[in-house]
Protein backbone atom coordinates (compact mmCIF):
# COMPACT_ATOMS: atom_id res chain seq x y z
CA MET A 1 48.23 78.10 87.81
CA SER A 2 51.35 78.72 85.74
CA SER A 3 52.43 76.41 82.98
CA ALA A 4 55.70 74.57 82.74
CA GLN A 5 58.25 75.37 80.08
CA PHE A 6 57.39 72.79 77.43
CA SER A 7 59.93 71.80 74.77
CA GLU A 8 59.04 71.08 71.18
CA THR A 9 58.98 67.36 72.04
CA HIS A 10 56.58 68.08 74.91
CA LEU A 11 54.32 70.11 72.59
CA VAL A 12 54.20 67.21 70.11
CA THR A 13 53.14 64.91 72.96
CA ILE A 14 50.51 67.44 74.09
CA ARG A 15 49.05 67.48 70.58
CA HIS A 16 48.77 63.70 70.79
CA MET A 17 47.04 64.10 74.16
CA CYS A 18 44.58 66.57 72.63
CA SER A 19 43.84 64.13 69.81
CA ALA A 20 43.27 61.29 72.25
CA LEU A 21 41.43 63.11 75.07
CA GLY A 22 40.09 66.22 73.39
CA GLU A 23 41.87 69.61 73.49
CA GLN A 24 39.90 71.11 76.38
CA GLU A 25 40.12 67.98 78.50
CA ALA A 26 43.86 67.62 77.88
CA TRP A 27 44.72 71.23 78.82
CA SER A 28 42.41 71.13 81.82
CA LEU A 29 44.28 68.05 83.05
CA ILE A 30 47.65 69.75 82.50
CA HIS A 31 46.70 73.09 84.10
CA ALA A 32 45.35 71.33 87.19
CA LEU A 33 48.92 70.32 88.07
CA ALA A 34 52.00 72.18 89.19
CA PRO A 35 54.65 72.80 86.51
CA PRO A 36 56.90 69.87 87.56
CA ALA A 37 53.86 67.56 87.61
CA GLN A 38 52.80 68.89 84.22
CA LEU A 39 56.15 67.87 82.76
CA HIS A 40 55.91 64.46 84.45
CA LEU A 41 52.37 63.94 83.06
CA VAL A 42 53.37 64.85 79.52
CA GLU A 43 56.52 62.69 79.64
CA SER A 44 54.56 59.77 81.12
CA PHE A 45 52.02 60.05 78.30
CA ALA A 46 54.89 60.12 75.81
CA ARG A 47 56.43 56.96 77.31
CA HIS A 48 53.03 55.23 77.32
CA GLY A 49 52.50 56.20 73.70
CA GLU A 50 55.95 54.96 72.72
CA ASN A 51 55.36 51.62 74.50
CA ALA A 52 52.00 51.30 72.77
CA ARG A 53 53.59 52.01 69.39
CA GLN A 54 56.30 49.41 70.06
CA ASP A 55 53.67 46.83 71.07
CA ILE A 56 51.68 47.56 67.94
CA ALA A 57 54.81 47.32 65.80
CA ALA A 58 55.76 44.00 67.44
CA GLN A 59 52.25 42.63 66.91
CA ALA A 60 52.30 43.80 63.31
CA GLN A 61 55.67 42.12 62.75
CA SER A 62 54.41 38.91 64.36
CA LEU A 63 51.29 38.96 62.19
CA ALA A 64 53.43 39.60 59.13
CA SER A 65 55.67 36.65 60.01
CA GLU A 66 52.65 34.39 60.53
CA ARG A 67 51.18 35.60 57.24
CA ASP A 68 54.47 34.91 55.42
CA ALA A 69 54.68 31.45 57.01
CA ALA A 70 51.08 30.70 55.99
CA LEU A 71 51.72 31.88 52.44
CA GLN A 72 54.86 29.71 52.28
CA GLU A 73 52.91 26.69 53.54
CA VAL A 74 50.22 27.31 50.92
CA ALA A 75 52.92 27.57 48.26
CA ASP A 76 54.55 24.32 49.47
CA LEU A 77 51.20 22.51 49.50
CA SER A 78 50.43 23.81 46.04
CA ALA A 79 53.83 22.63 44.78
CA ARG A 80 53.34 19.19 46.34
CA GLY A 81 49.85 19.02 44.86
CA CYS A 82 51.22 19.81 41.40
CA ALA A 83 53.96 17.20 41.86
CA LEU A 84 51.40 14.58 42.91
CA GLU A 85 49.20 15.45 39.94
CA ASP A 86 52.18 15.07 37.61
CA THR A 87 53.10 11.73 39.19
CA LEU A 88 49.51 10.50 38.93
CA HIS A 89 49.32 11.65 35.32
CA HIS A 90 52.57 9.88 34.38
CA THR A 91 51.56 6.72 36.28
CA THR A 92 48.15 6.66 34.61
CA ALA A 93 49.71 7.24 31.20
CA ARG A 94 52.28 4.47 31.79
CA MET A 95 49.63 2.01 32.96
CA SER A 96 47.43 2.89 29.99
CA ALA A 97 50.37 2.34 27.65
CA GLN A 98 51.18 -1.00 29.28
CA THR A 99 47.55 -2.08 29.08
CA ALA A 100 47.35 -1.05 25.44
CA SER A 101 50.59 -2.83 24.55
CA LYS A 102 49.71 -6.04 26.37
CA PRO A 103 47.35 -8.10 24.22
CA LYS A 104 44.34 -9.34 26.11
CA GLN A 105 44.22 -13.12 26.15
CA ARG A 106 41.06 -14.41 24.59
CA ALA A 107 38.91 -16.54 26.89
CA VAL A 108 38.24 -20.05 25.62
CA LYS A 109 35.59 -22.36 27.06
CA LEU A 110 36.75 -25.95 27.48
CA GLU A 111 34.45 -28.86 28.22
CA VAL A 112 34.97 -30.39 31.66
CA PRO A 113 33.17 -33.58 32.75
CA LYS A 114 31.41 -33.68 36.09
CA TYR A 115 33.20 -35.50 38.89
CA GLY A 116 30.92 -37.45 41.21
CA GLY A 117 33.36 -38.86 43.74
CA LEU A 118 32.82 -42.54 42.94
CA ALA A 119 35.71 -43.13 40.54
CA SER A 120 38.74 -42.02 42.52
CA HIS A 121 41.10 -42.89 39.64
CA GLN A 122 39.45 -40.14 37.54
CA LEU A 123 40.00 -37.39 40.09
CA LEU A 124 43.59 -36.46 39.12
CA ARG A 125 42.61 -36.15 35.48
CA TRP A 126 39.52 -34.11 36.41
CA ILE A 127 41.68 -31.73 38.50
CA LYS A 128 43.93 -31.08 35.50
CA GLN A 129 40.92 -30.60 33.25
CA VAL A 130 39.14 -28.15 35.53
CA SER A 131 42.38 -26.23 36.16
CA ARG A 132 43.04 -25.89 32.44
CA ALA A 133 39.45 -24.82 31.83
CA ALA A 134 39.73 -22.11 34.50
CA ASP A 135 43.00 -20.90 32.96
CA ALA A 136 41.42 -20.84 29.52
CA LEU A 137 38.64 -18.60 30.87
CA ASN A 138 41.24 -16.28 32.48
CA ILE A 139 39.90 -17.01 35.97
CA ASP A 140 42.62 -15.83 38.36
CA ASP A 141 40.60 -15.07 41.49
CA ASP A 142 40.79 -17.99 43.95
CA GLU A 143 37.20 -17.67 45.16
CA ILE A 144 35.80 -17.65 41.62
CA ARG A 145 38.15 -20.49 40.66
CA VAL A 146 36.81 -22.63 43.54
CA SER A 147 33.20 -21.82 42.57
CA PHE A 148 33.96 -22.75 38.97
CA ALA A 149 35.42 -26.10 40.05
CA MET A 150 32.47 -26.79 42.38
CA SER A 151 30.08 -26.20 39.47
CA HIS A 152 31.66 -29.26 37.83
CA LEU A 153 31.01 -31.58 40.77
CA THR A 154 28.08 -33.95 41.08
CA GLY A 155 26.83 -36.70 43.37
CA ARG A 156 28.92 -37.44 46.46
CA ALA A 157 31.57 -34.89 45.54
CA ASP A 158 28.98 -32.15 45.16
CA ASP A 159 27.35 -33.08 48.48
CA TRP A 160 30.76 -33.05 50.16
CA ALA A 161 31.76 -29.61 48.84
CA TRP A 162 28.46 -27.91 49.56
CA GLY A 163 28.26 -29.54 52.97
CA LEU A 164 31.58 -27.96 53.92
CA THR A 165 30.66 -24.52 52.59
CA CYS A 166 27.32 -24.59 54.40
CA GLU A 167 29.08 -25.32 57.68
CA ASP A 168 31.83 -22.79 57.09
CA GLY A 169 31.71 -20.10 54.41
CA PHE A 170 35.52 -20.06 54.44
CA ALA A 171 35.99 -23.82 54.21
CA PHE A 172 38.44 -23.42 51.32
CA ALA A 173 41.19 -20.85 51.84
CA ASN A 174 42.06 -20.87 48.13
CA PHE A 175 41.90 -23.08 45.05
CA ASP A 176 44.95 -25.15 46.05
CA ASN A 177 43.40 -25.79 49.46
CA PHE A 178 40.17 -26.89 47.77
CA ILE A 179 42.11 -29.37 45.62
CA GLU A 180 44.03 -30.75 48.61
CA GLN A 181 40.83 -31.29 50.60
CA LEU A 182 39.17 -32.89 47.58
CA LYS A 183 42.08 -35.32 47.18
CA ALA A 184 42.04 -36.14 50.88
CA ALA A 185 38.32 -36.92 50.69
CA PHE A 186 38.20 -39.01 47.50
CA LEU A 187 41.67 -40.43 46.80
CA PRO A 188 42.92 -43.56 48.59
CA ALA A 189 45.99 -43.03 50.75
CA ASN A 190 49.18 -42.50 48.69
CA SER A 191 47.33 -43.07 45.42
CA ASP A 192 48.38 -39.68 44.08
CA PHE A 193 52.03 -40.58 44.63
CA GLN A 194 51.55 -44.10 43.28
CA TYR A 195 49.87 -42.95 40.05
CA ARG A 196 52.61 -40.38 39.43
CA ALA A 197 55.43 -42.85 40.15
CA GLU A 198 54.02 -45.49 37.80
CA TYR A 199 53.40 -42.95 35.05
CA LEU A 200 56.93 -41.55 35.31
CA SER A 201 58.30 -45.10 35.28
CA ALA A 202 56.46 -45.74 32.02
CA ARG A 203 57.66 -42.44 30.53
CA GLN A 204 61.28 -43.30 31.42
CA GLY A 205 61.10 -46.63 29.58
CA LYS A 206 61.00 -48.90 32.60
CA ARG A 207 57.45 -49.91 31.75
CA SER A 208 55.36 -49.46 28.66
CA ILE A 209 52.39 -47.14 28.64
CA CYS A 210 50.21 -50.18 27.96
CA GLU A 211 51.55 -51.89 31.10
CA TYR A 212 50.83 -48.73 33.06
CA ALA A 213 47.27 -48.60 31.68
CA ASN A 214 46.66 -52.28 32.47
CA ALA A 215 47.96 -51.83 36.02
CA THR A 216 45.66 -48.88 36.49
CA LYS A 217 42.64 -50.82 35.20
CA SER A 218 43.50 -53.70 37.53
CA ARG A 219 43.64 -51.36 40.50
CA ARG A 220 40.26 -49.88 39.57
CA SER A 221 38.64 -53.33 39.47
CA ASN A 222 40.04 -54.10 42.92
C-alpha cells in the first residue's frame, strides 16, 4: 500500500510514534491504512501528544505553585517562630530584671496566741494578730492563710473549724470568708460594731481610753 505525502511536521510526529510504539510497530500501523487515513492517524497522534504535553505542563505548574505556597508558609511559620522566641526572650529578661531589682521581703515569725472560742472579746485582737503574722511570713495564698490561722485555734474554736472542713472541704472560700464565719460563730451580735464604735469614740476624745477599757471589762464580766 502506498504511503501518504508526509510533511516535516508529520515526520517529527512519526519519530515520536516510533519512540513510543517501536519503529516496526509504528510503520506497520501506518502502512496498514490508506494514505488519507495515514495522515489522519499521524495528526491524531500529534494532537494527543500535544494535549498530553499541555496536561503535564499544567500539572507541573500546579505542583510548582503548591510548592511555592508551601515554602512561603514554612517561611512565614519560621518568621513567626523567631518573633515568638524574641518576645519570649525579652519577656523573660524583663521579668528577671524586675525580680532582681525587687528586694525580697524577709519573712518574720510573730508569736500568735491560740484562740479557744471562750473569750469572745479577744477574737478581734486575735484576728489582727494572726493576719499580721501571716503577712510577716509572706503568706499570700488564701488556702495556706486559712490553714495558718486554723493552726492557731484551740478548744471550741478548733473543733468548730475542723468540723466544718470535715463536712465540706471547701467550707471557707478564702481567708476573709473564714474570718467572717469565725466572727459569726463566736462574736455576740453587733459586738464587732460596738467595740469599734466605742474605741473610735475614745480616740476622738469623747471618752478616755481608760473609760473604754473599763466598759470593755464590765461587758466581759456580764
